[in-house]
Structure formats: structure tokens, C-alpha cells
Amino acid sequence: MFKRPFNEHSPNTNGLKQITLTLKKNQLYLQAIQQELPRQLANHCIHVVFHNAKLIVYTDSPVWASKLLYSRVQIIDAITNNFREPVQGLTVRVVDNTMNTDKRRPITPSLHTINNLNLSNSSDNNDTLGSALTKLKKVLRDKAD
């Protein structure tokens, strides 16, 4: 357990409260921007960060980033009208989602390759390499099915 239990006035929870408050504000900014933009364009607004009167809008492709830049006036007006906060600058950044979804997986050989292993392994069962190849064939055949 912890040496000191967490309470409301703990400095650790105070920092967490500040982070959650900032995230909630950014979520509200995002919702306000998405309401002002056309639906097709709003779907590509992924996240918004507003700090020191500078607004950063994250999108998923460069094409939508340029379209968001053309809608600069609508985006700035959405923040200033709904939250009464002045926006001095707007930046649009592209988030690369391919890095998150591309998971490395082992390459499974084709059935032709597995059958070639069968043909190449015509040695005695006492041979360690032959028994290893037999086990490998069984595993690969099970994964292929």
C-alpha cells in the first residue's frame, strides 16, 4: 500500500484534477468547433488543444488539414463566441494513425511452402533436425488451418 493515503488536498490528486480539467475543456472546444463546421469536415477534427490563446487542431490527413485551414474563420469564431476567449493563432496538425494500427505479425508461410517442408524432411526420426522440422510442420499446418 501507499505510505500516505490520497486525500482531496494531496498534491498528486491536485495535478490529476488539473489535467482532467484541461482535457474536459479541450473536449468542449472540440465539440464547439465540430458544431460550427460542416459534418463531413467535422468528422475529421480529431482533437483540439487550446493554450495561451493559441489553438491547435488535429486531423487525420493532409487534405483535411488544408480544408480546415480554409475554415479558419469559422473555427476561431466558434471559440470566441462560445467561450469568450480570444484566439491569436490557429495551427492544424496531421496525426499519423497508421503507426498505431500497424501491428507487427509473424509471416505465415503458404501451404506450398509447408508441403515443401514435407518433401525435404525424408530423413530418420532419430535426427534432431528432422524431428524439429516435423514439429515445425505440425505447428505451421495448424496455424494455416
C-alpha atoms as a PDB file:
ATOM      1  CA  MET A   1       0.000   0.000   0.000  1.00  0.00           C
ATOM      2  CA  PHE A   2       0.910   3.647  -0.059  1.00  0.00           C
ATOM      3  CA  LYS A   3       2.819   5.251   2.775  1.00  0.00           C
ATOM      4  CA  ARG A   4       0.395   8.161   2.775  1.00  0.00           C
ATOM      5  CA  PRO A   5      -3.165   7.714   1.554  1.00  0.00           C
ATOM      6  CA  PHE A   6      -4.514  10.066  -1.098  1.00  0.00           C
ATOM      7  CA  ASN A   7      -6.982  12.680   0.007  1.00  0.00           C
ATOM      8  CA  GLU A   8      -8.602  15.696  -1.610  1.00  0.00           C
ATOM      9  CA  HIS A   9      -5.766  18.050  -0.757  1.00  0.00           C
ATOM     10  CA  SER A  10      -2.939  15.785  -1.838  1.00  0.00           C
ATOM     11  CA  PRO A  11      -0.619  17.436  -4.383  1.00  0.00           C
ATOM     12  CA  ASN A  12      -0.773  14.347  -6.623  1.00  0.00           C
ATOM     13  CA  THR A  13      -4.551  14.474  -6.968  1.00  0.00           C
ATOM     14  CA  ASN A  14      -4.422  18.233  -7.462  1.00  0.00           C
ATOM     15  CA  GLY A  15      -2.255  17.724 -10.547  1.00  0.00           C
ATOM     16  CA  LEU A  16      -4.553  14.999 -11.818  1.00  0.00           C
ATOM     17  CA  LYS A  17      -7.552  17.283 -11.339  1.00  0.00           C
ATOM     18  CA  GLN A  18      -5.807  19.968 -13.368  1.00  0.00           C
ATOM     19  CA  ILE A  19      -5.080  17.526 -16.188  1.00  0.00           C
ATOM     20  CA  THR A  20      -8.662  16.238 -16.275  1.00  0.00           C
ATOM     21  CA  LEU A  21      -9.995  19.793 -16.230  1.00  0.00           C
ATOM     22  CA  THR A  22      -7.775  20.721 -19.176  1.00  0.00           C
ATOM     23  CA  LEU A  23      -8.854  17.625 -21.104  1.00  0.00           C
ATOM     24  CA  LYS A  24     -12.528  18.398 -20.470  1.00  0.00           C
ATOM     25  CA  LYS A  25     -12.049  21.986 -21.671  1.00  0.00           C
ATOM     26  CA  ASN A  26     -10.312  20.779 -24.808  1.00  0.00           C
ATOM     27  CA  GLN A  27     -13.173  18.339 -25.405  1.00  0.00           C
ATOM     28  CA  LEU A  28     -15.670  21.211 -25.106  1.00  0.00           C
ATOM     29  CA  TYR A  29     -13.620  23.279 -27.571  1.00  0.00           C
ATOM     30  CA  LEU A  30     -13.628  20.339 -29.981  1.00  0.00           C
ATOM     31  CA  GLN A  31     -17.402  19.939 -29.708  1.00  0.00           C
ATOM     32  CA  ALA A  32     -17.950  23.656 -30.346  1.00  0.00           C
ATOM     33  CA  ILE A  33     -15.721  23.551 -33.424  1.00  0.00           C
ATOM     34  CA  GLN A  34     -17.408  20.409 -34.736  1.00  0.00           C
ATOM     35  CA  GLN A  35     -20.828  22.047 -34.397  1.00  0.00           C
ATOM     36  CA  GLU A  36     -19.747  25.052 -36.468  1.00  0.00           C
ATOM     37  CA  LEU A  37     -18.132  23.071 -39.287  1.00  0.00           C
ATOM     38  CA  PRO A  38     -19.919  21.022 -41.944  1.00  0.00           C
ATOM     39  CA  ARG A  39     -20.451  17.426 -40.824  1.00  0.00           C
ATOM     40  CA  GLN A  40     -18.044  15.922 -43.349  1.00  0.00           C
ATOM     41  CA  LEU A  41     -15.271  18.262 -42.224  1.00  0.00           C
ATOM     42  CA  ALA A  42     -16.162  17.981 -38.529  1.00  0.00           C
ATOM     43  CA  ASN A  43     -15.701  14.210 -38.624  1.00  0.00           C
ATOM     44  CA  HIS A  44     -12.021  14.730 -39.400  1.00  0.00           C
ATOM     45  CA  CYS A  45     -11.358  17.020 -36.422  1.00  0.00           C
ATOM     46  CA  ILE A  46      -9.796  14.559 -34.024  1.00  0.00           C
ATOM     47  CA  HIS A  47      -8.553  16.687 -31.141  1.00  0.00           C
ATOM     48  CA  VAL A  48      -8.094  20.304 -30.097  1.00  0.00           C
ATOM     49  CA  VAL A  49      -5.575  21.889 -27.748  1.00  0.00           C
ATOM     50  CA  PHE A  50      -6.088  25.488 -26.627  1.00  0.00           C
ATOM     51  CA  HIS A  51      -3.222  27.027 -24.662  1.00  0.00           C
ATOM     52  CA  ASN A  52      -2.042  30.630 -24.280  1.00  0.00           C
ATOM     53  CA  ALA A  53      -4.638  31.896 -26.790  1.00  0.00           C
ATOM     54  CA  LYS A  54      -3.250  29.554 -29.452  1.00  0.00           C
ATOM     55  CA  LEU A  55      -5.430  26.837 -30.909  1.00  0.00           C
ATOM     56  CA  ILE A  56      -4.070  23.589 -32.336  1.00  0.00           C
ATOM     57  CA  VAL A  57      -6.486  21.401 -34.298  1.00  0.00           C
ATOM     58  CA  TYR A  58      -5.509  17.796 -35.048  1.00  0.00           C
ATOM     59  CA  THR A  59      -6.812  15.989 -38.113  1.00  0.00           C
ATOM     60  CA  ASP A  60      -6.192  12.649 -39.803  1.00  0.00           C
ATOM     61  CA  SER A  61      -4.945  13.615 -43.270  1.00  0.00           C
ATOM     62  CA  PRO A  62      -3.202  16.499 -45.049  1.00  0.00           C
ATOM     63  CA  VAL A  63      -6.166  17.009 -47.386  1.00  0.00           C
ATOM     64  CA  TRP A  64      -8.496  17.673 -44.473  1.00  0.00           C
ATOM     65  CA  ALA A  65      -5.840  19.860 -42.851  1.00  0.00           C
ATOM     66  CA  SER A  66      -5.902  22.229 -45.812  1.00  0.00           C
ATOM     67  CA  LYS A  67      -9.716  22.278 -45.777  1.00  0.00           C
ATOM     68  CA  LEU A  68      -9.634  23.086 -42.062  1.00  0.00           C
ATOM     69  CA  LEU A  69      -7.258  25.958 -42.750  1.00  0.00           C
ATOM     70  CA  TYR A  70      -9.755  27.338 -45.270  1.00  0.00           C
ATOM     71  CA  SER A  71     -12.361  27.218 -42.479  1.00  0.00           C
ATOM     72  CA  ARG A  72     -10.080  29.192 -40.168  1.00  0.00           C
ATOM     73  CA  VAL A  73     -12.614  31.984 -39.604  1.00  0.00           C
ATOM     74  CA  GLN A  74     -15.392  29.569 -38.609  1.00  0.00           C
ATOM     75  CA  ILE A  75     -13.094  27.750 -36.177  1.00  0.00           C
ATOM     76  CA  ILE A  76     -11.862  30.924 -34.500  1.00  0.00           C
ATOM     77  CA  ASP A  77     -15.393  32.337 -34.296  1.00  0.00           C
ATOM     78  CA  ALA A  78     -16.631  29.116 -32.677  1.00  0.00           C
ATOM     79  CA  ILE A  79     -14.143  29.507 -29.821  1.00  0.00           C
ATOM     80  CA  THR A  80     -14.530  33.258 -29.357  1.00  0.00           C
ATOM     81  CA  ASN A  81     -18.342  33.228 -29.497  1.00  0.00           C
ATOM     82  CA  ASN A  82     -18.919  30.177 -27.292  1.00  0.00           C
ATOM     83  CA  PHE A  83     -16.176  30.671 -24.700  1.00  0.00           C
ATOM     84  CA  ARG A  84     -15.381  34.407 -24.915  1.00  0.00           C
ATOM     85  CA  GLU A  85     -11.690  33.640 -25.266  1.00  0.00           C
ATOM     86  CA  PRO A  86      -9.548  35.410 -27.856  1.00  0.00           C
ATOM     87  CA  VAL A  87      -7.657  33.215 -30.305  1.00  0.00           C
ATOM     88  CA  GLN A  88      -4.361  34.657 -31.516  1.00  0.00           C
ATOM     89  CA  GLY A  89      -3.259  31.784 -33.714  1.00  0.00           C
ATOM     90  CA  LEU A  90      -4.522  28.613 -35.324  1.00  0.00           C
ATOM     91  CA  THR A  91      -2.358  25.639 -36.237  1.00  0.00           C
ATOM     92  CA  VAL A  92      -3.576  22.472 -37.915  1.00  0.00           C
ATOM     93  CA  ARG A  93      -1.537  19.325 -37.418  1.00  0.00           C
ATOM     94  CA  VAL A  94      -1.862  15.912 -39.014  1.00  0.00           C
ATOM     95  CA  VAL A  95      -1.871  12.839 -36.777  1.00  0.00           C
ATOM     96  CA  ASP A  96      -0.438   9.697 -38.323  1.00  0.00           C
ATOM     97  CA  ASN A  97      -2.809   6.895 -37.335  1.00  0.00           C
ATOM     98  CA  THR A  98      -1.026   4.219 -39.347  1.00  0.00           C
ATOM     99  CA  MET A  99       1.642   3.834 -36.686  1.00  0.00           C
ATOM    100  CA  ASN A 100      -0.947   2.852 -34.083  1.00  0.00           C
ATOM    101  CA  THR A 101      -2.861   0.374 -36.182  1.00  0.00           C
ATOM    102  CA  ASP A 102       0.076  -1.326 -37.895  1.00  0.00           C
ATOM    103  CA  LYS A 103       0.943  -4.195 -35.605  1.00  0.00           C
ATOM    104  CA  ARG A 104       3.771  -6.488 -36.495  1.00  0.00           C
ATOM    105  CA  ARG A 105       2.720 -10.066 -37.010  1.00  0.00           C
ATOM    106  CA  PRO A 106       4.772 -13.062 -37.968  1.00  0.00           C
ATOM    107  CA  ILE A 107       4.532 -14.058 -41.595  1.00  0.00           C
ATOM    108  CA  THR A 108       2.763 -17.370 -42.033  1.00  0.00           C
ATOM    109  CA  PRO A 109       4.085 -19.406 -44.936  1.00  0.00           C
ATOM    110  CA  SER A 110       1.833 -20.638 -47.705  1.00  0.00           C
ATOM    111  CA  LEU A 111       0.617 -24.220 -47.988  1.00  0.00           C
ATOM    112  CA  HIS A 112       3.058 -24.718 -50.857  1.00  0.00           C
ATOM    113  CA  THR A 113       5.976 -23.876 -48.550  1.00  0.00           C
ATOM    114  CA  ILE A 114       4.664 -26.180 -45.840  1.00  0.00           C
ATOM    115  CA  ASN A 115       4.334 -29.025 -48.347  1.00  0.00           C
ATOM    116  CA  ASN A 116       7.911 -28.406 -49.499  1.00  0.00           C
ATOM    117  CA  LEU A 117       8.992 -28.891 -45.881  1.00  0.00           C
ATOM    118  CA  ASN A 118       7.285 -32.281 -46.015  1.00  0.00           C
ATOM    119  CA  LEU A 119       9.258 -33.276 -49.095  1.00  0.00           C
ATOM    120  CA  SER A 120      12.589 -32.073 -47.714  1.00  0.00           C
ATOM    121  CA  ASN A 121      12.152 -33.967 -44.458  1.00  0.00           C
ATOM    122  CA  SER A 122      12.552 -37.562 -45.552  1.00  0.00           C
ATOM    123  CA  SER A 123      15.285 -38.373 -43.038  1.00  0.00           C
ATOM    124  CA  ASP A 124      15.175 -40.589 -39.946  1.00  0.00           C
ATOM    125  CA  ASN A 125      13.110 -39.623 -36.918  1.00  0.00           C
ATOM    126  CA  ASN A 126      16.223 -40.038 -34.760  1.00  0.00           C
ATOM    127  CA  ASP A 127      17.773 -36.983 -36.388  1.00  0.00           C
ATOM    128  CA  THR A 128      17.298 -33.861 -34.215  1.00  0.00           C
ATOM    129  CA  LEU A 129      16.934 -31.588 -37.232  1.00  0.00           C
ATOM    130  CA  GLY A 130      14.367 -33.932 -38.753  1.00  0.00           C
ATOM    131  CA  SER A 131      12.298 -34.039 -35.572  1.00  0.00           C
ATOM    132  CA  ALA A 132      12.470 -30.242 -35.294  1.00  0.00           C
ATOM    133  CA  LEU A 133      11.234 -29.899 -38.879  1.00  0.00           C
ATOM    134  CA  THR A 134       8.399 -32.324 -38.147  1.00  0.00           C
ATOM    135  CA  LYS A 135       7.297 -30.237 -35.161  1.00  0.00           C
ATOM    136  CA  LEU A 136       7.565 -27.065 -37.241  1.00  0.00           C
ATOM    137  CA  LYS A 137       5.381 -28.581 -39.970  1.00  0.00           C
ATOM    138  CA  LYS A 138       2.715 -29.521 -37.434  1.00  0.00           C
ATOM    139  CA  VAL A 139       2.641 -26.032 -35.942  1.00  0.00           C
ATOM    140  CA  LEU A 140       2.556 -24.313 -39.336  1.00  0.00           C
ATOM    141  CA  ARG A 141      -0.159 -26.622 -40.618  1.00  0.00           C
ATOM    142  CA  ASP A 142      -2.280 -25.927 -37.504  1.00  0.00           C
ATOM    143  CA  LYS A 143      -1.884 -22.153 -37.936  1.00  0.00           C
ATOM    144  CA  ALA A 144      -2.687 -22.341 -41.631  1.00  0.00           C
ATOM    145  CA  ASP A 145      -5.991 -24.094 -40.908  1.00  0.00           C
END
